[in-house]
Amino acid sequence: MRKRSMFHRSIFRADPNGDPDINTTPLIDVMLVMLVMFIITIPPPTHSIDVTLSPDEVTGKILDQNRVTIDTSDVIRWNDEAIDLAELGVLVRQASERAEPAAILLEPDARARYLRVDEAIGAIRRNGGTKLAFPGIEGYAGLI
């Protein structure tokens, strides 16, 4: 009978009378460790929205309480005047730079697209809108 080496016994699980089989347990262990390492090293997802603000001054009125509404056709309105996302950023910046920052009341329609509302909130937060309120939240109660 042929004597097998220690190396042969460590990677082959064999019956002394049978054919040697490869022991796959160490291979599976290495694969699982590598999988965990890959999962740990994946960078976390980031959520950001790039907005180019126009350098022009916007002529919207800035009140003590400014209503920002978003309707179902994605139109953003600042105190009932239709504006785009860049103008919203400029107006929010002007409102936040006052001696007493103006409050911003965000009132999206209950069926407005989430993406558009998220873009508006992002523009408000990036431009210094710290006094942000959501009046009329009870309008969403029927949608849940």
N, C-alpha and C. Protein backbone atom coordinates (compact mmCIF):
# COMPACT_ATOMS: atom_id res chain seq x y z
N MET A 1 0.85 -1.18 0.00
CA MET A 1 0.00 0.00 0.00
C MET A 1 0.89 1.24 0.00
N ARG A 2 0.51 2.20 -0.80
CA ARG A 2 1.28 3.42 -0.95
C ARG A 2 0.98 4.38 0.19
N LYS A 3 1.99 4.99 0.79
CA LYS A 3 1.81 5.92 1.89
C LYS A 3 1.59 7.33 1.30
N ARG A 4 0.57 8.00 1.77
CA ARG A 4 0.23 9.33 1.25
C ARG A 4 0.89 10.41 2.11
N SER A 5 1.23 11.54 1.49
CA SER A 5 1.87 12.63 2.22
C SER A 5 0.84 13.38 3.07
N MET A 6 1.35 14.22 3.98
CA MET A 6 0.47 15.03 4.83
C MET A 6 -0.32 16.03 3.98
N PHE A 7 0.33 16.57 2.95
CA PHE A 7 -0.35 17.51 2.05
C PHE A 7 -1.52 16.83 1.37
N HIS A 8 -1.29 15.64 0.90
CA HIS A 8 -2.34 14.90 0.21
C HIS A 8 -3.51 14.64 1.15
N ARG A 9 -3.24 14.31 2.42
CA ARG A 9 -4.30 14.05 3.37
C ARG A 9 -5.04 15.33 3.77
N SER A 10 -4.35 16.49 3.70
CA SER A 10 -4.99 17.73 4.14
C SER A 10 -6.02 18.24 3.13
N ILE A 11 -5.79 18.04 1.83
CA ILE A 11 -6.75 18.56 0.86
C ILE A 11 -7.63 17.48 0.25
N PHE A 12 -7.29 16.23 0.42
CA PHE A 12 -8.11 15.16 -0.12
C PHE A 12 -8.73 14.38 1.02
N ARG A 13 -10.03 14.22 0.93
CA ARG A 13 -10.72 13.37 1.88
C ARG A 13 -10.87 12.03 1.18
N ALA A 14 -10.19 11.06 1.67
CA ALA A 14 -10.20 9.81 0.91
C ALA A 14 -10.36 8.61 1.83
N ASP A 15 -11.03 7.69 1.30
CA ASP A 15 -11.11 6.38 1.93
C ASP A 15 -9.83 5.65 1.52
N PRO A 16 -9.14 5.00 2.43
CA PRO A 16 -7.89 4.34 2.02
C PRO A 16 -8.09 3.36 0.88
N ASN A 17 -9.28 2.84 0.74
CA ASN A 17 -9.53 1.87 -0.33
C ASN A 17 -10.17 2.50 -1.55
N GLY A 18 -10.58 3.77 -1.45
CA GLY A 18 -11.30 4.38 -2.56
C GLY A 18 -10.47 5.43 -3.28
N ASP A 19 -11.08 6.04 -4.27
CA ASP A 19 -10.43 7.11 -5.02
C ASP A 19 -10.48 8.40 -4.20
N PRO A 20 -9.46 9.24 -4.29
CA PRO A 20 -9.46 10.49 -3.52
C PRO A 20 -10.48 11.49 -4.08
N ASP A 21 -11.16 12.19 -3.19
CA ASP A 21 -12.09 13.25 -3.56
C ASP A 21 -11.53 14.56 -3.04
N ILE A 22 -11.78 15.63 -3.76
CA ILE A 22 -11.31 16.94 -3.30
C ILE A 22 -12.23 17.44 -2.20
N ASN A 23 -11.65 17.89 -1.12
CA ASN A 23 -12.39 18.46 0.00
C ASN A 23 -12.68 19.93 -0.36
N THR A 24 -13.93 20.26 -0.62
CA THR A 24 -14.29 21.62 -1.07
C THR A 24 -14.60 22.56 0.08
N THR A 25 -14.61 22.08 1.31
CA THR A 25 -14.93 22.94 2.45
C THR A 25 -13.98 24.14 2.56
N PRO A 26 -12.66 23.95 2.47
CA PRO A 26 -11.78 25.13 2.55
C PRO A 26 -12.02 26.10 1.39
N LEU A 27 -12.35 25.60 0.23
CA LEU A 27 -12.60 26.48 -0.92
C LEU A 27 -13.85 27.32 -0.69
N ILE A 28 -14.88 26.72 -0.12
CA ILE A 28 -16.12 27.45 0.17
C ILE A 28 -15.86 28.48 1.26
N ASP A 29 -15.06 28.14 2.26
CA ASP A 29 -14.73 29.10 3.32
C ASP A 29 -14.01 30.32 2.76
N VAL A 30 -13.05 30.09 1.89
CA VAL A 30 -12.32 31.20 1.27
C VAL A 30 -13.26 32.06 0.44
N MET A 31 -14.15 31.42 -0.30
CA MET A 31 -15.09 32.15 -1.13
C MET A 31 -16.01 33.04 -0.26
N LEU A 32 -16.50 32.53 0.85
CA LEU A 32 -17.37 33.31 1.72
C LEU A 32 -16.63 34.48 2.36
N VAL A 33 -15.39 34.26 2.76
CA VAL A 33 -14.59 35.35 3.32
C VAL A 33 -14.38 36.44 2.27
N MET A 34 -14.08 36.05 1.05
CA MET A 34 -13.88 37.04 -0.02
C MET A 34 -15.18 37.79 -0.31
N LEU A 35 -16.30 37.10 -0.30
CA LEU A 35 -17.58 37.76 -0.53
C LEU A 35 -17.86 38.80 0.54
N VAL A 36 -17.62 38.45 1.80
CA VAL A 36 -17.81 39.41 2.88
C VAL A 36 -16.88 40.60 2.72
N MET A 37 -15.64 40.36 2.33
CA MET A 37 -14.68 41.46 2.13
C MET A 37 -15.14 42.38 0.99
N PHE A 38 -15.66 41.82 -0.08
CA PHE A 38 -16.15 42.65 -1.19
C PHE A 38 -17.34 43.49 -0.75
N ILE A 39 -18.24 42.91 0.03
CA ILE A 39 -19.41 43.65 0.50
C ILE A 39 -18.99 44.79 1.42
N ILE A 40 -18.01 44.54 2.28
CA ILE A 40 -17.55 45.58 3.20
C ILE A 40 -16.87 46.72 2.46
N THR A 41 -16.13 46.42 1.41
CA THR A 41 -15.36 47.46 0.72
C THR A 41 -16.15 48.22 -0.34
N ILE A 42 -17.38 47.85 -0.61
CA ILE A 42 -18.21 48.59 -1.57
C ILE A 42 -18.51 49.96 -0.97
N PRO A 43 -18.30 51.04 -1.73
CA PRO A 43 -18.59 52.36 -1.16
C PRO A 43 -20.09 52.54 -0.95
N PRO A 44 -20.46 53.28 0.10
CA PRO A 44 -21.90 53.48 0.34
C PRO A 44 -22.52 54.35 -0.74
N PRO A 45 -23.76 54.09 -1.09
CA PRO A 45 -24.41 54.91 -2.11
C PRO A 45 -24.64 56.32 -1.60
N THR A 46 -24.50 57.27 -2.48
CA THR A 46 -24.75 58.66 -2.10
C THR A 46 -25.94 59.18 -2.87
N HIS A 47 -26.63 60.09 -2.26
CA HIS A 47 -27.81 60.67 -2.89
C HIS A 47 -27.55 62.15 -3.07
N SER A 48 -27.42 62.57 -4.29
CA SER A 48 -27.19 63.99 -4.52
C SER A 48 -27.88 64.40 -5.81
N ILE A 49 -28.22 65.63 -5.86
CA ILE A 49 -28.88 66.20 -7.03
C ILE A 49 -28.07 67.41 -7.46
N ASP A 50 -27.57 67.41 -8.69
CA ASP A 50 -26.82 68.55 -9.20
C ASP A 50 -27.79 69.57 -9.76
N VAL A 51 -27.65 70.80 -9.28
CA VAL A 51 -28.51 71.88 -9.73
C VAL A 51 -27.63 73.06 -10.12
N THR A 52 -27.81 73.58 -11.31
CA THR A 52 -27.10 74.75 -11.74
C THR A 52 -27.97 75.96 -11.49
N LEU A 53 -27.50 76.84 -10.62
CA LEU A 53 -28.27 78.02 -10.29
C LEU A 53 -27.91 79.15 -11.25
N SER A 54 -28.92 79.88 -11.66
CA SER A 54 -28.67 80.99 -12.57
C SER A 54 -28.12 82.18 -11.79
N PRO A 55 -27.17 82.90 -12.37
CA PRO A 55 -26.60 84.04 -11.66
C PRO A 55 -27.52 85.26 -11.66
N ASP A 56 -28.55 85.24 -12.47
CA ASP A 56 -29.46 86.39 -12.56
C ASP A 56 -30.28 86.51 -11.29
N GLU A 57 -30.62 87.73 -10.98
CA GLU A 57 -31.49 87.96 -9.83
C GLU A 57 -32.93 87.60 -10.23
N VAL A 58 -33.63 86.98 -9.32
CA VAL A 58 -35.00 86.58 -9.56
C VAL A 58 -35.90 87.63 -8.91
N THR A 59 -36.98 87.96 -9.58
CA THR A 59 -37.82 89.06 -9.11
C THR A 59 -38.99 88.60 -8.24
N GLY A 60 -38.95 87.38 -7.72
CA GLY A 60 -40.04 86.91 -6.88
C GLY A 60 -40.09 87.65 -5.56
N LYS A 61 -41.31 87.79 -5.03
CA LYS A 61 -41.49 88.47 -3.75
C LYS A 61 -41.08 87.53 -2.62
N ILE A 62 -40.37 88.09 -1.65
CA ILE A 62 -40.00 87.32 -0.47
C ILE A 62 -40.78 87.87 0.71
N LEU A 63 -41.65 87.04 1.23
CA LEU A 63 -42.50 87.42 2.36
C LEU A 63 -41.96 86.79 3.63
N ASP A 64 -42.59 87.07 4.75
CA ASP A 64 -42.18 86.43 6.00
C ASP A 64 -42.46 84.93 5.97
N GLN A 65 -43.56 84.56 5.29
CA GLN A 65 -43.89 83.16 5.07
C GLN A 65 -44.11 82.97 3.58
N ASN A 66 -43.26 82.17 2.95
CA ASN A 66 -43.33 81.95 1.51
C ASN A 66 -43.88 80.55 1.25
N ARG A 67 -44.91 80.49 0.42
CA ARG A 67 -45.52 79.20 0.07
C ARG A 67 -44.86 78.66 -1.18
N VAL A 68 -44.36 77.45 -1.09
CA VAL A 68 -43.81 76.74 -2.25
C VAL A 68 -44.75 75.57 -2.50
N THR A 69 -45.39 75.59 -3.66
CA THR A 69 -46.32 74.51 -4.00
C THR A 69 -45.81 73.77 -5.22
N ILE A 70 -46.14 72.50 -5.29
CA ILE A 70 -45.79 71.67 -6.45
C ILE A 70 -47.06 70.94 -6.85
N ASP A 71 -47.46 71.10 -8.10
CA ASP A 71 -48.69 70.45 -8.53
C ASP A 71 -48.37 69.13 -9.24
N THR A 72 -49.40 68.46 -9.70
CA THR A 72 -49.22 67.14 -10.32
C THR A 72 -48.51 67.19 -11.66
N SER A 73 -48.43 68.37 -12.27
CA SER A 73 -47.71 68.49 -13.55
C SER A 73 -46.29 69.02 -13.34
N ASP A 74 -45.75 68.87 -12.12
CA ASP A 74 -44.37 69.22 -11.75
C ASP A 74 -44.05 70.71 -11.83
N VAL A 75 -45.05 71.58 -11.75
CA VAL A 75 -44.81 73.02 -11.76
C VAL A 75 -44.59 73.47 -10.31
N ILE A 76 -43.45 74.13 -10.09
CA ILE A 76 -43.14 74.67 -8.77
C ILE A 76 -43.59 76.12 -8.75
N ARG A 77 -44.27 76.49 -7.69
CA ARG A 77 -44.75 77.88 -7.56
C ARG A 77 -44.23 78.46 -6.25
N TRP A 78 -43.74 79.70 -6.34
CA TRP A 78 -43.29 80.46 -5.17
C TRP A 78 -44.30 81.58 -4.97
N ASN A 79 -45.07 81.50 -3.91
CA ASN A 79 -46.13 82.48 -3.64
C ASN A 79 -47.02 82.66 -4.88
N ASP A 80 -47.44 81.55 -5.46
CA ASP A 80 -48.34 81.47 -6.62
C ASP A 80 -47.74 81.95 -7.93
N GLU A 81 -46.41 82.14 -8.01
CA GLU A 81 -45.74 82.48 -9.27
C GLU A 81 -44.93 81.26 -9.72
N ALA A 82 -45.14 80.81 -10.96
CA ALA A 82 -44.43 79.65 -11.47
C ALA A 82 -42.95 79.97 -11.63
N ILE A 83 -42.09 79.07 -11.09
CA ILE A 83 -40.64 79.23 -11.19
C ILE A 83 -40.03 77.88 -11.52
N ASP A 84 -38.75 77.89 -11.90
CA ASP A 84 -38.07 76.61 -12.10
C ASP A 84 -37.19 76.32 -10.88
N LEU A 85 -36.49 75.22 -10.91
CA LEU A 85 -35.71 74.77 -9.77
C LEU A 85 -34.56 75.73 -9.45
N ALA A 86 -33.93 76.27 -10.47
CA ALA A 86 -32.82 77.22 -10.26
C ALA A 86 -33.32 78.49 -9.59
N GLU A 87 -34.46 78.99 -10.05
CA GLU A 87 -35.04 80.19 -9.44
C GLU A 87 -35.44 79.93 -8.00
N LEU A 88 -35.91 78.72 -7.71
CA LEU A 88 -36.26 78.36 -6.34
C LEU A 88 -35.03 78.47 -5.44
N GLY A 89 -33.90 77.99 -5.92
CA GLY A 89 -32.67 78.07 -5.14
C GLY A 89 -32.27 79.51 -4.85
N VAL A 90 -32.37 80.38 -5.86
CA VAL A 90 -32.01 81.79 -5.68
C VAL A 90 -32.95 82.46 -4.68
N LEU A 91 -34.24 82.21 -4.81
CA LEU A 91 -35.22 82.81 -3.90
C LEU A 91 -35.01 82.32 -2.46
N VAL A 92 -34.73 81.05 -2.29
CA VAL A 92 -34.49 80.51 -0.95
C VAL A 92 -33.24 81.15 -0.36
N ARG A 93 -32.20 81.31 -1.18
CA ARG A 93 -30.98 81.95 -0.68
C ARG A 93 -31.26 83.39 -0.24
N GLN A 94 -32.03 84.11 -1.05
CA GLN A 94 -32.36 85.50 -0.68
C GLN A 94 -33.21 85.53 0.59
N ALA A 95 -34.13 84.57 0.72
CA ALA A 95 -34.98 84.52 1.91
C ALA A 95 -34.19 84.16 3.16
N SER A 96 -33.17 83.33 3.01
CA SER A 96 -32.39 82.91 4.17
C SER A 96 -31.34 83.93 4.57
N GLU A 97 -31.00 84.86 3.68
CA GLU A 97 -29.99 85.87 3.99
C GLU A 97 -30.57 87.12 4.65
N ARG A 98 -31.87 87.14 4.85
CA ARG A 98 -32.49 88.27 5.55
C ARG A 98 -32.08 88.28 7.01
N ALA A 99 -32.27 89.44 7.68
CA ALA A 99 -31.92 89.53 9.10
C ALA A 99 -32.69 88.48 9.91
N GLU A 100 -33.96 88.34 9.64
CA GLU A 100 -34.77 87.27 10.22
C GLU A 100 -35.15 86.36 9.06
N PRO A 101 -34.52 85.18 8.94
CA PRO A 101 -34.80 84.31 7.79
C PRO A 101 -36.29 84.03 7.62
N ALA A 102 -36.72 84.08 6.38
CA ALA A 102 -38.14 83.87 6.06
C ALA A 102 -38.48 82.38 6.14
N ALA A 103 -39.68 82.09 6.59
CA ALA A 103 -40.16 80.71 6.66
C ALA A 103 -40.59 80.25 5.28
N ILE A 104 -40.36 78.98 4.99
CA ILE A 104 -40.76 78.40 3.71
C ILE A 104 -41.76 77.29 4.01
N LEU A 105 -42.96 77.43 3.49
CA LEU A 105 -44.02 76.45 3.68
C LEU A 105 -44.12 75.60 2.42
N LEU A 106 -43.66 74.38 2.48
CA LEU A 106 -43.68 73.49 1.32
C LEU A 106 -44.99 72.72 1.31
N GLU A 107 -45.77 72.95 0.27
CA GLU A 107 -47.09 72.30 0.16
C GLU A 107 -47.22 71.60 -1.19
N PRO A 108 -46.60 70.43 -1.34
CA PRO A 108 -46.78 69.70 -2.59
C PRO A 108 -48.18 69.09 -2.66
N ASP A 109 -48.68 68.97 -3.86
CA ASP A 109 -49.96 68.29 -4.05
C ASP A 109 -49.79 66.84 -3.60
N ALA A 110 -50.85 66.27 -3.08
CA ALA A 110 -50.78 64.90 -2.56
C ALA A 110 -50.40 63.89 -3.64
N ARG A 111 -50.64 64.20 -4.90
CA ARG A 111 -50.33 63.27 -5.98
C ARG A 111 -49.14 63.75 -6.83
N ALA A 112 -48.37 64.72 -6.33
CA ALA A 112 -47.19 65.19 -7.04
C ALA A 112 -46.12 64.10 -7.03
N ARG A 113 -45.28 64.11 -8.06
CA ARG A 113 -44.23 63.10 -8.15
C ARG A 113 -43.21 63.29 -7.03
N TYR A 114 -42.82 62.19 -6.42
CA TYR A 114 -41.86 62.24 -5.32
C TYR A 114 -40.53 62.84 -5.78
N LEU A 115 -40.07 62.51 -6.98
CA LEU A 115 -38.79 63.01 -7.47
C LEU A 115 -38.77 64.54 -7.50
N ARG A 116 -39.85 65.14 -7.97
CA ARG A 116 -39.90 66.61 -8.06
C ARG A 116 -39.92 67.23 -6.66
N VAL A 117 -40.64 66.63 -5.74
CA VAL A 117 -40.68 67.13 -4.37
C VAL A 117 -39.29 66.99 -3.74
N ASP A 118 -38.63 65.87 -3.99
CA ASP A 118 -37.28 65.65 -3.47
C ASP A 118 -36.30 66.68 -4.03
N GLU A 119 -36.41 66.99 -5.31
CA GLU A 119 -35.54 68.01 -5.91
C GLU A 119 -35.78 69.37 -5.26
N ALA A 120 -37.03 69.71 -5.01
CA ALA A 120 -37.35 70.99 -4.38
C ALA A 120 -36.80 71.05 -2.96
N ILE A 121 -36.97 69.98 -2.20
CA ILE A 121 -36.44 69.96 -0.83
C ILE A 121 -34.92 70.07 -0.87
N GLY A 122 -34.28 69.38 -1.81
CA GLY A 122 -32.82 69.47 -1.94
C GLY A 122 -32.36 70.88 -2.26
N ALA A 123 -33.06 71.56 -3.16
CA ALA A 123 -32.71 72.94 -3.51
C ALA A 123 -32.91 73.87 -2.32
N ILE A 124 -33.95 73.64 -1.55
CA ILE A 124 -34.20 74.47 -0.37
C ILE A 124 -33.11 74.26 0.68
N ARG A 125 -32.77 73.02 0.96
CA ARG A 125 -31.77 72.72 1.98
C ARG A 125 -30.37 73.19 1.57
N ARG A 126 -30.01 73.02 0.30
CA ARG A 126 -28.68 73.43 -0.16
C ARG A 126 -28.49 74.94 -0.14
N ASN A 127 -29.56 75.68 -0.24
CA ASN A 127 -29.46 77.13 -0.32
C ASN A 127 -29.79 77.82 0.99
N GLY A 128 -29.72 77.10 2.07
CA GLY A 128 -29.84 77.70 3.39
C GLY A 128 -31.24 77.79 3.95
N GLY A 129 -32.19 77.09 3.38
CA GLY A 129 -33.55 77.11 3.89
C GLY A 129 -33.65 76.32 5.18
N THR A 130 -33.52 77.01 6.31
CA THR A 130 -33.55 76.31 7.60
C THR A 130 -34.93 76.31 8.23
N LYS A 131 -35.76 77.27 7.87
CA LYS A 131 -37.12 77.35 8.43
C LYS A 131 -38.09 76.75 7.42
N LEU A 132 -38.14 75.43 7.38
CA LEU A 132 -38.97 74.71 6.41
C LEU A 132 -40.10 74.02 7.15
N ALA A 133 -41.33 74.22 6.68
CA ALA A 133 -42.50 73.61 7.32
C ALA A 133 -43.34 72.92 6.26
N PHE A 134 -44.13 71.95 6.69
CA PHE A 134 -45.02 71.19 5.81
C PHE A 134 -46.46 71.33 6.29
N PRO A 135 -47.10 72.45 6.04
CA PRO A 135 -48.50 72.59 6.46
C PRO A 135 -49.41 71.74 5.58
N GLY A 136 -50.54 71.39 6.08
CA GLY A 136 -51.50 70.62 5.29
C GLY A 136 -51.12 69.17 5.11
N ILE A 137 -50.33 68.63 6.02
CA ILE A 137 -49.90 67.25 5.91
C ILE A 137 -51.07 66.28 6.00
N GLU A 138 -52.17 66.74 6.58
CA GLU A 138 -53.35 65.86 6.70
C GLU A 138 -53.95 65.51 5.34
N GLY A 139 -53.58 66.24 4.29
CA GLY A 139 -54.08 65.93 2.95
C GLY A 139 -53.56 64.59 2.43
N TYR A 140 -52.52 64.05 3.05
CA TYR A 140 -51.96 62.78 2.63
C TYR A 140 -52.60 61.60 3.33
N ALA A 141 -53.43 61.84 4.31
CA ALA A 141 -54.00 60.76 5.12
C ALA A 141 -54.79 59.76 4.27
N GLY A 142 -55.49 60.23 3.25
CA GLY A 142 -56.30 59.33 2.43
C GLY A 142 -55.49 58.49 1.47
N LEU A 143 -54.21 58.78 1.28
CA LEU A 143 -53.38 58.05 0.34
C LEU A 143 -52.66 56.88 0.96
N ILE A 144 -52.65 56.80 2.27
CA ILE A 144 -51.88 55.73 2.94
C ILE A 144 -52.71 54.48 3.06
